[in-house]
Amino acid sequence: MLYLWIEGEPPQLAHHNLFFTDNYRAEFDSIFRQGVPYDDPTIYVAITSRSDPEHAPPGCENWYVMTNVPQIGPGWDWERESDAYRDRVLARLAGLGLDIREEIRAEQR
């Protein structure tokens, strides 16, 4: 889960946004059989400031970015891999036309 505070308000988004992977079966195989996050994950973005503008300063939005991932186990070291996975998720959003990497003003994981 990424908690992001971004500057700007992309007009094409709503309070709830879901971006499916092209291969949901492969995503679940990666997660449940291999125990690793999928390279092209399904991404859910909630922007509560779309429904209540007081959740973010004027001109900004609060983004909750969530993906399907495996439970903690031996197949994936989150301590070592979390930065790379974060970058992968943000790159996937950029590929969908939502490149917010330069607009992130605060972040928490």
C-alpha atoms as a PDB file:
ATOM      1  CA  MET A   1       0.000   0.000   0.000  1.00  0.00           C
ATOM      2  CA  LEU A   2       1.287   3.418  -0.941  1.00  0.00           C
ATOM      3  CA  TYR A   3      -0.127   6.534   0.668  1.00  0.00           C
ATOM      4  CA  LEU A   4       0.656   9.447  -1.626  1.00  0.00           C
ATOM      5  CA  TRP A   5      -0.017  13.132  -1.518  1.00  0.00           C
ATOM      6  CA  ILE A   6       0.237  14.496  -5.031  1.00  0.00           C
ATOM      7  CA  GLU A   7       0.059  17.967  -6.458  1.00  0.00           C
ATOM      8  CA  GLY A   8      -2.548  18.237  -9.190  1.00  0.00           C
ATOM      9  CA  GLU A   9      -5.887  16.639  -9.893  1.00  0.00           C
ATOM     10  CA  PRO A  10      -5.959  14.362 -12.974  1.00  0.00           C
ATOM     11  CA  PRO A  11      -9.458  14.953 -14.401  1.00  0.00           C
ATOM     12  CA  GLN A  12     -10.050  11.408 -15.660  1.00  0.00           C
ATOM     13  CA  LEU A  13     -10.073   9.858 -12.177  1.00  0.00           C
ATOM     14  CA  ALA A  14     -12.847   9.277  -9.648  1.00  0.00           C
ATOM     15  CA  HIS A  15     -12.919   8.410  -5.939  1.00  0.00           C
ATOM     16  CA  HIS A  16     -12.443   4.689  -6.783  1.00  0.00           C
ATOM     17  CA  ASN A  17     -10.243   3.639  -9.721  1.00  0.00           C
ATOM     18  CA  LEU A  18      -9.302   0.118 -10.774  1.00  0.00           C
ATOM     19  CA  PHE A  19      -6.736  -0.719 -13.422  1.00  0.00           C
ATOM     20  CA  PHE A  20      -6.745  -4.421 -14.285  1.00  0.00           C
ATOM     21  CA  THR A  21      -3.739  -6.316 -15.529  1.00  0.00           C
ATOM     22  CA  ASP A  22      -3.984  -7.803 -19.012  1.00  0.00           C
ATOM     23  CA  ASN A  23      -3.461 -11.298 -17.574  1.00  0.00           C
ATOM     24  CA  TYR A  24      -5.289 -11.787 -14.284  1.00  0.00           C
ATOM     25  CA  ARG A  25      -4.578 -15.553 -14.307  1.00  0.00           C
ATOM     26  CA  ALA A  26      -0.819 -14.948 -14.563  1.00  0.00           C
ATOM     27  CA  GLU A  27      -1.035 -12.352 -11.791  1.00  0.00           C
ATOM     28  CA  PHE A  28      -2.696 -14.827  -9.431  1.00  0.00           C
ATOM     29  CA  ASP A  29      -0.241 -17.575 -10.411  1.00  0.00           C
ATOM     30  CA  SER A  30       2.641 -15.254  -9.520  1.00  0.00           C
ATOM     31  CA  ILE A  31       1.064 -14.335  -6.195  1.00  0.00           C
ATOM     32  CA  PHE A  32      -0.309 -17.671  -5.010  1.00  0.00           C
ATOM     33  CA  ARG A  33       2.019 -20.218  -6.625  1.00  0.00           C
ATOM     34  CA  GLN A  34       5.325 -18.374  -6.879  1.00  0.00           C
ATOM     35  CA  GLY A  35       4.889 -16.130  -3.845  1.00  0.00           C
ATOM     36  CA  VAL A  36       6.060 -12.975  -5.610  1.00  0.00           C
ATOM     37  CA  PRO A  37       4.261  -9.834  -6.818  1.00  0.00           C
ATOM     38  CA  TYR A  38       3.319  -9.824 -10.490  1.00  0.00           C
ATOM     39  CA  ASP A  39       5.308  -7.600 -12.877  1.00  0.00           C
ATOM     40  CA  ASP A  40       2.162  -5.986 -14.313  1.00  0.00           C
ATOM     41  CA  PRO A  41      -0.141  -5.776 -11.282  1.00  0.00           C
ATOM     42  CA  THR A  42      -3.772  -4.831 -11.021  1.00  0.00           C
ATOM     43  CA  ILE A  43      -3.846  -1.460  -9.252  1.00  0.00           C
ATOM     44  CA  TYR A  44      -6.600   0.078  -7.143  1.00  0.00           C
ATOM     45  CA  VAL A  45      -6.373   3.818  -6.489  1.00  0.00           C
ATOM     46  CA  ALA A  46      -8.689   5.492  -3.974  1.00  0.00           C
ATOM     47  CA  ILE A  47      -8.698   9.279  -3.932  1.00  0.00           C
ATOM     48  CA  THR A  48     -10.922  10.262  -1.047  1.00  0.00           C
ATOM     49  CA  SER A  49     -10.335  13.951  -1.694  1.00  0.00           C
ATOM     50  CA  ARG A  50     -12.506  13.496  -4.800  1.00  0.00           C
ATOM     51  CA  SER A  51     -15.474  13.031  -2.465  1.00  0.00           C
ATOM     52  CA  ASP A  52     -14.276  15.243   0.380  1.00  0.00           C
ATOM     53  CA  PRO A  53     -11.885  18.007  -0.750  1.00  0.00           C
ATOM     54  CA  GLU A  54     -10.832  18.621   2.855  1.00  0.00           C
ATOM     55  CA  HIS A  55      -8.821  15.364   2.762  1.00  0.00           C
ATOM     56  CA  ALA A  56      -6.075  17.237   0.863  1.00  0.00           C
ATOM     57  CA  PRO A  57      -4.881  20.831   0.507  1.00  0.00           C
ATOM     58  CA  PRO A  58      -6.253  22.889  -2.394  1.00  0.00           C
ATOM     59  CA  GLY A  59      -4.740  21.742  -5.693  1.00  0.00           C
ATOM     60  CA  CYS A  60      -3.618  18.402  -4.230  1.00  0.00           C
ATOM     61  CA  GLU A  61      -5.006  14.899  -3.841  1.00  0.00           C
ATOM     62  CA  ASN A  62      -4.516  12.006  -1.462  1.00  0.00           C
ATOM     63  CA  TRP A  63      -3.925   8.704  -3.258  1.00  0.00           C
ATOM     64  CA  TYR A  64      -4.170   5.279  -1.650  1.00  0.00           C
ATOM     65  CA  VAL A  65      -2.533   2.883  -4.098  1.00  0.00           C
ATOM     66  CA  MET A  66      -3.028  -0.832  -3.513  1.00  0.00           C
ATOM     67  CA  THR A  67      -2.013  -3.927  -5.491  1.00  0.00           C
ATOM     68  CA  ASN A  68      -2.500  -7.660  -5.141  1.00  0.00           C
ATOM     69  CA  VAL A  69       0.586  -9.129  -3.466  1.00  0.00           C
ATOM     70  CA  PRO A  70       1.514 -12.429  -1.796  1.00  0.00           C
ATOM     71  CA  GLN A  71       1.457 -12.924   1.930  1.00  0.00           C
ATOM     72  CA  ILE A  72       4.765 -12.436   3.692  1.00  0.00           C
ATOM     73  CA  GLY A  73       6.872 -15.497   3.057  1.00  0.00           C
ATOM     74  CA  PRO A  74      10.249 -16.772   1.872  1.00  0.00           C
ATOM     75  CA  GLY A  75       9.642 -15.966  -1.816  1.00  0.00           C
ATOM     76  CA  TRP A  76       9.862 -12.175  -1.488  1.00  0.00           C
ATOM     77  CA  ASP A  77      11.969  -9.932   0.720  1.00  0.00           C
ATOM     78  CA  TRP A  78       9.940  -6.736   1.237  1.00  0.00           C
ATOM     79  CA  GLU A  79      12.771  -5.056   3.141  1.00  0.00           C
ATOM     80  CA  ARG A  80      15.028  -5.401   0.115  1.00  0.00           C
ATOM     81  CA  GLU A  81      12.467  -5.152  -2.702  1.00  0.00           C
ATOM     82  CA  SER A  82       9.973  -2.506  -1.573  1.00  0.00           C
ATOM     83  CA  ASP A  83      11.624   0.444  -3.363  1.00  0.00           C
ATOM     84  CA  ALA A  84      11.828  -1.441  -6.667  1.00  0.00           C
ATOM     85  CA  TYR A  85       8.231  -2.620  -6.341  1.00  0.00           C
ATOM     86  CA  ARG A  86       7.050   0.928  -5.601  1.00  0.00           C
ATOM     87  CA  ASP A  87       8.841   2.112  -8.729  1.00  0.00           C
ATOM     88  CA  ARG A  88       7.236  -0.695 -10.753  1.00  0.00           C
ATOM     89  CA  VAL A  89       3.748   0.298  -9.595  1.00  0.00           C
ATOM     90  CA  LEU A  90       4.345   3.973 -10.366  1.00  0.00           C
ATOM     91  CA  ALA A  91       5.768   3.046 -13.791  1.00  0.00           C
ATOM     92  CA  ARG A  92       2.644   0.974 -14.504  1.00  0.00           C
ATOM     93  CA  LEU A  93       0.463   3.979 -13.617  1.00  0.00           C
ATOM     94  CA  ALA A  94       2.636   6.132 -15.893  1.00  0.00           C
ATOM     95  CA  GLY A  95       2.079   3.624 -18.681  1.00  0.00           C
ATOM     96  CA  LEU A  96      -1.644   4.108 -18.167  1.00  0.00           C
ATOM     97  CA  GLY A  97      -1.248   7.858 -18.692  1.00  0.00           C
ATOM     98  CA  LEU A  98      -1.017   8.686 -14.974  1.00  0.00           C
ATOM     99  CA  ASP A  99       2.609   9.649 -14.492  1.00  0.00           C
ATOM    100  CA  ILE A 100       2.491  11.191 -11.041  1.00  0.00           C
ATOM    101  CA  ARG A 101       6.124  10.511 -10.111  1.00  0.00           C
ATOM    102  CA  GLU A 102       7.106  14.189 -10.312  1.00  0.00           C
ATOM    103  CA  GLU A 103       3.943  15.330  -8.516  1.00  0.00           C
ATOM    104  CA  ILE A 104       4.423  13.280  -5.318  1.00  0.00           C
ATOM    105  CA  ARG A 105       4.854  15.699  -2.421  1.00  0.00           C
ATOM    106  CA  ALA A 106       4.586  13.231   0.470  1.00  0.00           C
ATOM    107  CA  GLU A 107       4.627   9.452   0.722  1.00  0.00           C
ATOM    108  CA  GLN A 108       4.202   6.738   3.287  1.00  0.00           C
ATOM    109  CA  ARG A 109       4.318   2.954   2.937  1.00  0.00           C
END
